[in-house]
Amino acid sequence: MKNKETLEEFVTYLKNKPSTYGYDAILAYDRFRANRLLLQEYIDRFDNNSYFEPLSFTTTITPGAQWEAVVDHTLDVPRLSFENSSIAHSRADLTMRITAGKQLTLTRSIGAKVKKLIR
């Protein structure tokens, strides 16, 4: 795992060439503060009954043969991560854990008229 770049390395990198890809600013986040802000926003929305509604959908795995059904998945507080990013390859990952709901696997054998619940 590569160590974090120092401030001096970052400043040197910025001096080499335009590094903002045509933008006029660089944006930096403090992970702890950003996650604290996301948590507070989640709590505020939770209290106001305007958080994400449970997710329900079905997706095809094998056309005509296998499906995955997600039923009433409830998501918890969003978390922001910058762990796999660098100055050259900036990226942020936002994750929300599933805290409730079901995931069902459905199959239909060749020639069968009804789907079968596997799990």
C-alpha atoms as a PDB file:
ATOM      1  CA  MET A   1       0.000   0.000   0.000  1.00  0.00           C
ATOM      2  CA  LYS A   2       1.391   3.393  -1.003  1.00  0.00           C
ATOM      3  CA  ASN A   3       1.927   5.998   1.701  1.00  0.00           C
ATOM      4  CA  LYS A   4       0.021   9.257   1.526  1.00  0.00           C
ATOM      5  CA  GLU A   5       1.606  11.975  -0.565  1.00  0.00           C
ATOM      6  CA  THR A   6       3.246  14.769   1.352  1.00  0.00           C
ATOM      7  CA  LEU A   7       2.241  18.387   0.871  1.00  0.00           C
ATOM      8  CA  GLU A   8       5.567  19.036  -0.864  1.00  0.00           C
ATOM      9  CA  GLU A   9       4.959  16.167  -3.324  1.00  0.00           C
ATOM     10  CA  PHE A  10       1.488  17.498  -4.042  1.00  0.00           C
ATOM     11  CA  VAL A  11       2.723  21.058  -4.669  1.00  0.00           C
ATOM     12  CA  THR A  12       5.487  19.719  -6.942  1.00  0.00           C
ATOM     13  CA  TYR A  13       2.896  17.700  -8.867  1.00  0.00           C
ATOM     14  CA  LEU A  14       0.747  20.801  -9.378  1.00  0.00           C
ATOM     15  CA  LYS A  15       3.749  22.758 -10.717  1.00  0.00           C
ATOM     16  CA  ASN A  16       4.525  20.174 -13.429  1.00  0.00           C
ATOM     17  CA  LYS A  17       1.480  20.799 -15.617  1.00  0.00           C
ATOM     18  CA  PRO A  18      -2.110  21.937 -15.381  1.00  0.00           C
ATOM     19  CA  SER A  19      -3.619  19.375 -13.019  1.00  0.00           C
ATOM     20  CA  THR A  20      -7.166  20.614 -12.670  1.00  0.00           C
ATOM     21  CA  TYR A  21      -8.374  19.294 -16.049  1.00  0.00           C
ATOM     22  CA  GLY A  22      -9.704  22.694 -17.054  1.00  0.00           C
ATOM     23  CA  TYR A  23     -11.309  23.475 -13.703  1.00  0.00           C
ATOM     24  CA  ASP A  24     -10.316  26.536 -11.697  1.00  0.00           C
ATOM     25  CA  ALA A  25     -10.217  24.903  -8.263  1.00  0.00           C
ATOM     26  CA  ILE A  26      -9.125  21.883  -6.305  1.00  0.00           C
ATOM     27  CA  LEU A  27     -11.517  20.364  -3.805  1.00  0.00           C
ATOM     28  CA  ALA A  28     -10.269  18.522  -0.735  1.00  0.00           C
ATOM     29  CA  TYR A  29     -12.366  16.680   1.836  1.00  0.00           C
ATOM     30  CA  ASP A  30     -11.569  15.638   5.356  1.00  0.00           C
ATOM     31  CA  ARG A  31     -13.041  12.136   5.546  1.00  0.00           C
ATOM     32  CA  PHE A  32     -13.967  12.371   9.239  1.00  0.00           C
ATOM     33  CA  ARG A  33     -15.728  15.726   8.840  1.00  0.00           C
ATOM     34  CA  ALA A  34     -17.460  14.715   5.596  1.00  0.00           C
ATOM     35  CA  ASN A  35     -18.803  11.540   7.216  1.00  0.00           C
ATOM     36  CA  ARG A  36     -19.914  13.461  10.293  1.00  0.00           C
ATOM     37  CA  LEU A  37     -21.824  15.853   8.002  1.00  0.00           C
ATOM     38  CA  LEU A  38     -23.408  12.918   6.115  1.00  0.00           C
ATOM     39  CA  LEU A  39     -24.423  11.329   9.423  1.00  0.00           C
ATOM     40  CA  GLN A  40     -26.033  14.548  10.637  1.00  0.00           C
ATOM     41  CA  GLU A  41     -27.890  14.967   7.331  1.00  0.00           C
ATOM     42  CA  TYR A  42     -29.099  11.350   7.598  1.00  0.00           C
ATOM     43  CA  ILE A  43     -30.311  11.931  11.174  1.00  0.00           C
ATOM     44  CA  ASP A  44     -32.101  15.145  10.160  1.00  0.00           C
ATOM     45  CA  ARG A  45     -33.849  13.385   7.271  1.00  0.00           C
ATOM     46  CA  PHE A  46     -34.665  10.363   9.432  1.00  0.00           C
ATOM     47  CA  ASP A  47     -36.373  12.609  11.979  1.00  0.00           C
ATOM     48  CA  ASN A  48     -38.325  14.351   9.199  1.00  0.00           C
ATOM     49  CA  ASN A  49     -39.438  11.013   7.698  1.00  0.00           C
ATOM     50  CA  SER A  50     -37.776  11.854   4.364  1.00  0.00           C
ATOM     51  CA  TYR A  51     -34.936   9.291   4.253  1.00  0.00           C
ATOM     52  CA  PHE A  52     -34.683   6.698   1.491  1.00  0.00           C
ATOM     53  CA  GLU A  53     -37.717   4.473   1.165  1.00  0.00           C
ATOM     54  CA  PRO A  54     -37.072   0.702   1.211  1.00  0.00           C
ATOM     55  CA  LEU A  55     -35.871  -0.656  -2.148  1.00  0.00           C
ATOM     56  CA  SER A  56     -37.724  -3.442  -3.967  1.00  0.00           C
ATOM     57  CA  PHE A  57     -36.879  -4.668  -7.470  1.00  0.00           C
ATOM     58  CA  THR A  58     -36.193  -7.793  -9.526  1.00  0.00           C
ATOM     59  CA  THR A  59     -33.269  -8.221 -11.897  1.00  0.00           C
ATOM     60  CA  THR A  60     -32.676 -10.921 -14.499  1.00  0.00           C
ATOM     61  CA  ILE A  61     -29.549 -13.028 -14.042  1.00  0.00           C
ATOM     62  CA  THR A  62     -30.195 -15.536 -16.852  1.00  0.00           C
ATOM     63  CA  PRO A  63     -33.005 -14.557 -19.262  1.00  0.00           C
ATOM     64  CA  GLY A  64     -35.988 -16.845 -18.760  1.00  0.00           C
ATOM     65  CA  ALA A  65     -34.177 -18.966 -16.146  1.00  0.00           C
ATOM     66  CA  GLN A  66     -32.916 -17.048 -13.082  1.00  0.00           C
ATOM     67  CA  TRP A  67     -33.795 -13.827 -11.253  1.00  0.00           C
ATOM     68  CA  GLU A  68     -32.773 -12.028  -8.059  1.00  0.00           C
ATOM     69  CA  ALA A  69     -35.533 -10.225  -6.173  1.00  0.00           C
ATOM     70  CA  VAL A  70     -34.724  -7.533  -3.610  1.00  0.00           C
ATOM     71  CA  VAL A  71     -37.604  -6.912  -1.198  1.00  0.00           C
ATOM     72  CA  ASP A  72     -37.760  -3.951   1.195  1.00  0.00           C
ATOM     73  CA  HIS A  73     -34.002  -3.340   1.524  1.00  0.00           C
ATOM     74  CA  THR A  74     -33.474  -0.526   4.041  1.00  0.00           C
ATOM     75  CA  LEU A  75     -30.216   1.459   3.878  1.00  0.00           C
ATOM     76  CA  ASP A  76     -28.357   3.013   6.789  1.00  0.00           C
ATOM     77  CA  VAL A  77     -26.225   6.155   7.020  1.00  0.00           C
ATOM     78  CA  PRO A  78     -24.029   7.000   3.986  1.00  0.00           C
ATOM     79  CA  ARG A  79     -20.254   6.683   4.416  1.00  0.00           C
ATOM     80  CA  LEU A  80     -17.697   8.440   2.217  1.00  0.00           C
ATOM     81  CA  SER A  81     -14.306   6.834   1.569  1.00  0.00           C
ATOM     82  CA  PHE A  82     -11.219   8.055  -0.290  1.00  0.00           C
ATOM     83  CA  GLU A  83      -9.025   5.059   0.592  1.00  0.00           C
ATOM     84  CA  ASN A  84      -8.317   3.852  -2.956  1.00  0.00           C
ATOM     85  CA  SER A  85      -7.578   7.252  -4.456  1.00  0.00           C
ATOM     86  CA  SER A  86      -4.537   9.365  -5.141  1.00  0.00           C
ATOM     87  CA  ILE A  87      -3.959  12.832  -6.518  1.00  0.00           C
ATOM     88  CA  ALA A  88      -3.548  11.410 -10.035  1.00  0.00           C
ATOM     89  CA  HIS A  89      -6.591   9.142  -9.766  1.00  0.00           C
ATOM     90  CA  SER A  90      -9.074  10.897  -7.513  1.00  0.00           C
ATOM     91  CA  ARG A  91     -12.097   8.914  -6.482  1.00  0.00           C
ATOM     92  CA  ALA A  92     -14.621   8.818  -3.699  1.00  0.00           C
ATOM     93  CA  ASP A  93     -16.792   5.839  -2.778  1.00  0.00           C
ATOM     94  CA  LEU A  94     -20.152   6.355  -1.085  1.00  0.00           C
ATOM     95  CA  THR A  95     -21.565   3.259   0.610  1.00  0.00           C
ATOM     96  CA  MET A  96     -24.743   2.530   2.514  1.00  0.00           C
ATOM     97  CA  ARG A  97     -25.164  -0.785   4.323  1.00  0.00           C
ATOM     98  CA  ILE A  98     -28.333  -2.848   3.990  1.00  0.00           C
ATOM     99  CA  THR A  99     -29.931  -3.090   7.430  1.00  0.00           C
ATOM    100  CA  ALA A 100     -33.217  -4.848   6.633  1.00  0.00           C
ATOM    101  CA  GLY A 101     -35.023  -6.655   3.834  1.00  0.00           C
ATOM    102  CA  LYS A 102     -34.779  -9.879   1.858  1.00  0.00           C
ATOM    103  CA  GLN A 103     -32.946 -11.090  -1.236  1.00  0.00           C
ATOM    104  CA  LEU A 104     -34.554 -14.000  -3.061  1.00  0.00           C
ATOM    105  CA  THR A 105     -33.184 -16.194  -5.850  1.00  0.00           C
ATOM    106  CA  LEU A 106     -35.824 -17.447  -8.286  1.00  0.00           C
ATOM    107  CA  THR A 107     -35.326 -20.035 -11.034  1.00  0.00           C
ATOM    108  CA  ARG A 108     -37.475 -21.625 -13.717  1.00  0.00           C
ATOM    109  CA  SER A 109     -36.505 -24.963 -15.228  1.00  0.00           C
ATOM    110  CA  ILE A 110     -36.742 -25.440 -18.985  1.00  0.00           C
ATOM    111  CA  GLY A 111     -40.388 -26.079 -19.861  1.00  0.00           C
ATOM    112  CA  ALA A 112     -41.697 -25.114 -16.405  1.00  0.00           C
ATOM    113  CA  LYS A 113     -44.505 -22.571 -16.151  1.00  0.00           C
ATOM    114  CA  VAL A 114     -43.765 -21.284 -12.645  1.00  0.00           C
ATOM    115  CA  LYS A 115     -40.675 -19.922 -10.940  1.00  0.00           C
ATOM    116  CA  LYS A 116     -39.095 -21.786  -8.038  1.00  0.00           C
ATOM    117  CA  LEU A 117     -37.736 -20.035  -4.928  1.00  0.00           C
ATOM    118  CA  ILE A 118     -34.166 -21.199  -4.226  1.00  0.00           C
ATOM    119  CA  ARG A 119     -33.365 -19.004  -1.209  1.00  0.00           C
END
